[in-house]
C-alpha atoms as a PDB file:
ATOM      1  CA  MET A   1     -19.699  -0.109  12.081  1.00  0.00           C
ATOM      2  CA  ALA A   2     -17.312  -3.023  11.724  1.00  0.00           C
ATOM      3  CA  TRP A   3     -20.257  -5.424  11.711  1.00  0.00           C
ATOM      4  CA  SER A   4     -21.130  -4.357   8.182  1.00  0.00           C
ATOM      5  CA  PHE A   5     -17.738  -5.711   7.077  1.00  0.00           C
ATOM      6  CA  PHE A   6     -18.977  -9.182   7.998  1.00  0.00           C
ATOM      7  CA  GLY A   7     -22.402  -8.625   6.472  1.00  0.00           C
ATOM      8  CA  ILE A   8     -24.214  -8.455   9.805  1.00  0.00           C
ATOM      9  CA  ARG A   9     -26.687  -5.582   9.671  1.00  0.00           C
ATOM     10  CA  ARG A  10     -30.099  -4.686  10.992  1.00  0.00           C
ATOM     11  CA  GLY A  11     -32.858  -5.242   8.473  1.00  0.00           C
ATOM     12  CA  ALA A  12     -33.772  -1.553   8.338  1.00  0.00           C
ATOM     13  CA  ASP A  13     -30.172  -0.484   7.741  1.00  0.00           C
ATOM     14  CA  TYR A  14     -29.786  -3.090   4.993  1.00  0.00           C
ATOM     15  CA  ALA A  15     -32.983  -1.976   3.285  1.00  0.00           C
ATOM     16  CA  ASN A  16     -31.855   1.655   3.514  1.00  0.00           C
ATOM     17  CA  ASP A  17     -28.487   0.865   1.913  1.00  0.00           C
ATOM     18  CA  VAL A  18     -30.036  -1.216  -0.864  1.00  0.00           C
ATOM     19  CA  GLY A  19     -32.427   1.607  -1.647  1.00  0.00           C
ATOM     20  CA  LYS A  20     -29.510   3.979  -2.177  1.00  0.00           C
ATOM     21  CA  LEU A  21     -27.544   1.686  -4.499  1.00  0.00           C
ATOM     22  CA  ASN A  22     -26.866   2.917  -7.999  1.00  0.00           C
ATOM     23  CA  PRO A  23     -26.688   0.013 -10.502  1.00  0.00           C
ATOM     24  CA  VAL A  24     -23.974   1.777 -12.485  1.00  0.00           C
ATOM     25  CA  HIS A  25     -21.747   1.950  -9.402  1.00  0.00           C
ATOM     26  CA  VAL A  26     -22.275  -1.757  -8.725  1.00  0.00           C
ATOM     27  CA  ILE A  27     -21.359  -2.669 -12.315  1.00  0.00           C
ATOM     28  CA  VAL A  28     -18.269  -0.437 -12.295  1.00  0.00           C
ATOM     29  CA  ALA A  29     -17.130  -1.914  -8.979  1.00  0.00           C
ATOM     30  CA  GLY A  30     -17.631  -5.451 -10.302  1.00  0.00           C
ATOM     31  CA  VAL A  31     -15.686  -4.797 -13.504  1.00  0.00           C
ATOM     32  CA  LEU A  32     -12.908  -3.093 -11.559  1.00  0.00           C
ATOM     33  CA  ALA A  33     -12.692  -6.004  -9.113  1.00  0.00           C
ATOM     34  CA  ALA A  34     -12.533  -8.482 -12.020  1.00  0.00           C
ATOM     35  CA  VAL A  35      -9.736  -6.518 -13.714  1.00  0.00           C
ATOM     36  CA  LEU A  36      -7.744  -6.333 -10.478  1.00  0.00           C
ATOM     37  CA  PHE A  37      -8.243 -10.072  -9.940  1.00  0.00           C
ATOM     38  CA  VAL A  38      -6.949 -10.895 -13.435  1.00  0.00           C
ATOM     39  CA  ILE A  39      -3.951  -8.585 -12.975  1.00  0.00           C
ATOM     40  CA  ALA A  40      -3.165 -10.268  -9.653  1.00  0.00           C
ATOM     41  CA  LEU A  41      -3.336 -13.719 -11.271  1.00  0.00           C
ATOM     42  CA  ILE A  42      -1.091 -12.679 -14.163  1.00  0.00           C
ATOM     43  CA  THR A  43       1.397 -11.159 -11.728  1.00  0.00           C
ATOM     44  CA  LEU A  44       1.392 -14.332  -9.619  1.00  0.00           C
ATOM     45  CA  ILE A  45       1.939 -16.517 -12.689  1.00  0.00           C
ATOM     46  CA  HIS A  46       4.831 -14.360 -13.895  1.00  0.00           C
ATOM     47  CA  TRP A  47       6.390 -14.468 -10.432  1.00  0.00           C
ATOM     48  CA  VAL A  48       6.083 -18.266 -10.128  1.00  0.00           C
ATOM     49  CA  VAL A  49       7.426 -18.919 -13.641  1.00  0.00           C
ATOM     50  CA  GLY A  50      10.232 -16.415 -13.185  1.00  0.00           C
ATOM     51  CA  SER A  51      11.326 -17.866  -9.861  1.00  0.00           C
ATOM     52  CA  GLY A  52      11.974 -21.280 -11.373  1.00  0.00           C
ATOM     53  CA  VAL A  53       9.577 -23.090  -9.037  1.00  0.00           C
ATOM     54  CA  ALA A  54       7.466 -24.204 -11.998  1.00  0.00           C
ATOM     55  CA  ALA A  55      10.446 -25.695 -13.863  1.00  0.00           C
ATOM     56  CA  SER A  56      10.298 -29.428 -14.267  1.00  0.00           C
END
């Protein structure tokens, strides 16, 4: 089970999973991941600027 985390799968299992994919779910997951990534970057920038590390 943990092997799928690393992307190591049997060919038949991979083909079975790909056959069950719903394109809408993939798009929603991608948009959600992008939004979370942007929020994380904004939070990191606010933290660095607020801590005074970025002051010259």
